[in-house]
């Protein structure tokens, strides 16, 4: 009897976990892309071309943030300090 009760309890908990673990829609706001080089550079142009296509497929806007300086270290530092929420 205990075994059946334990199995039923495990089944109920697993069903409850599946119901509460719904996928959130992503992205829900614009995504910021940090380019560590100056605007108009080859990196900037290629990034903007790729983001244009990604914007069409995801249906969300991408914002390019050019942070030139120190051989790319300025932009890289800004990216490492950004919030880890998937929007940078």
Protein backbone atom coordinates (compact mmCIF):
# COMPACT_ATOMS: atom_id res chain seq x y z
CA UNK A 1 0.00 0.00 0.00
CA UNK A 2 2.82 2.41 0.84
CA UNK A 3 4.55 1.68 -2.45
CA UNK A 4 1.43 2.57 -4.41
CA UNK A 5 0.94 5.73 -2.41
CA UNK A 6 4.56 6.74 -2.96
CA UNK A 7 4.30 6.10 -6.70
CA UNK A 8 1.09 8.13 -6.90
CA UNK A 9 2.73 10.98 -5.00
CA UNK A 10 5.77 10.95 -7.32
CA UNK A 11 3.49 10.97 -10.36
CA UNK A 12 1.49 13.90 -8.99
CA UNK A 13 4.64 15.89 -8.24
CA UNK A 14 6.10 15.27 -11.68
CA UNK A 15 2.86 16.37 -13.37
CA UNK A 16 2.81 19.51 -11.24
CA UNK A 17 6.40 20.27 -12.18
CA UNK A 18 5.64 19.94 -15.89
CA UNK A 19 2.61 22.20 -15.65
CA UNK A 20 4.50 24.96 -13.81
CA UNK A 21 7.60 24.82 -16.06
CA UNK A 22 6.22 26.72 -19.02
CA UNK A 23 8.57 28.22 -21.56
CA UNK A 24 8.68 31.98 -21.59
CA UNK A 25 8.55 33.71 -24.93
CA UNK A 26 11.93 35.09 -25.91
CA UNK A 27 12.73 37.80 -26.82
CA UNK A 28 10.18 40.16 -25.37
CA UNK A 29 12.21 43.36 -25.72
CA UNK A 30 14.96 44.68 -28.01
CA UNK A 31 18.31 42.91 -27.86
CA UNK A 32 21.49 44.99 -27.52
CA UNK A 33 24.53 43.88 -29.51
CA UNK A 34 27.87 45.37 -28.52
CA UNK A 35 30.34 45.74 -31.38
CA UNK A 36 33.81 46.52 -30.01
CA UNK A 37 34.84 48.44 -33.13
CA UNK A 38 33.93 51.77 -34.74
CA UNK A 39 30.78 52.30 -36.76
CA UNK A 40 31.33 51.77 -40.48
CA UNK A 41 34.10 49.20 -39.94
CA UNK A 42 33.88 45.78 -41.55
CA UNK A 43 32.81 44.24 -38.24
CA UNK A 44 30.01 46.78 -37.87
CA UNK A 45 28.72 46.30 -41.42
CA UNK A 46 28.71 42.50 -41.22
CA UNK A 47 27.04 42.62 -37.81
CA UNK A 48 24.28 44.91 -39.07
CA UNK A 49 23.65 42.70 -42.11
CA UNK A 50 23.35 39.59 -39.94
CA UNK A 51 21.16 41.34 -37.37
CA UNK A 52 18.81 42.53 -40.10
CA UNK A 53 18.11 38.92 -41.08
CA UNK A 54 17.89 37.78 -37.46
CA UNK A 55 15.41 40.57 -36.76
CA UNK A 56 13.18 39.29 -39.55
CA UNK A 57 13.26 35.70 -38.28
CA UNK A 58 12.79 36.51 -34.57
CA UNK A 59 10.44 39.43 -35.02
CA UNK A 60 12.40 41.51 -32.54
CA UNK A 61 14.55 44.60 -32.91
CA UNK A 62 18.33 44.52 -32.39
CA UNK A 63 20.19 47.61 -31.19
CA UNK A 64 23.84 47.93 -32.20
CA UNK A 65 26.07 49.59 -29.61
CA UNK A 66 29.49 50.46 -31.05
CA UNK A 67 32.16 50.72 -28.34
CA UNK A 68 35.49 51.29 -30.08
CA UNK A 69 38.77 51.70 -28.27
CA UNK A 70 41.75 49.86 -26.86
CA UNK A 71 41.81 47.32 -29.68
CA UNK A 72 38.34 46.00 -28.84
CA UNK A 73 38.89 45.81 -25.09
CA UNK A 74 36.42 48.60 -24.31
CA UNK A 75 33.52 46.81 -25.98
CA UNK A 76 34.55 43.46 -24.57
CA UNK A 77 34.64 44.89 -21.05
CA UNK A 78 31.17 46.37 -21.54
CA UNK A 79 29.85 42.99 -22.66
CA UNK A 80 31.34 41.19 -19.66
CA UNK A 81 29.74 43.68 -17.27
CA UNK A 82 26.29 43.46 -18.89
CA UNK A 83 23.44 41.77 -17.07
CA UNK A 84 23.35 38.02 -17.82
CA UNK A 85 19.74 38.10 -19.00
CA UNK A 86 20.23 37.14 -22.64
CA UNK A 87 19.43 40.60 -23.97
CA UNK A 88 23.03 41.81 -24.50
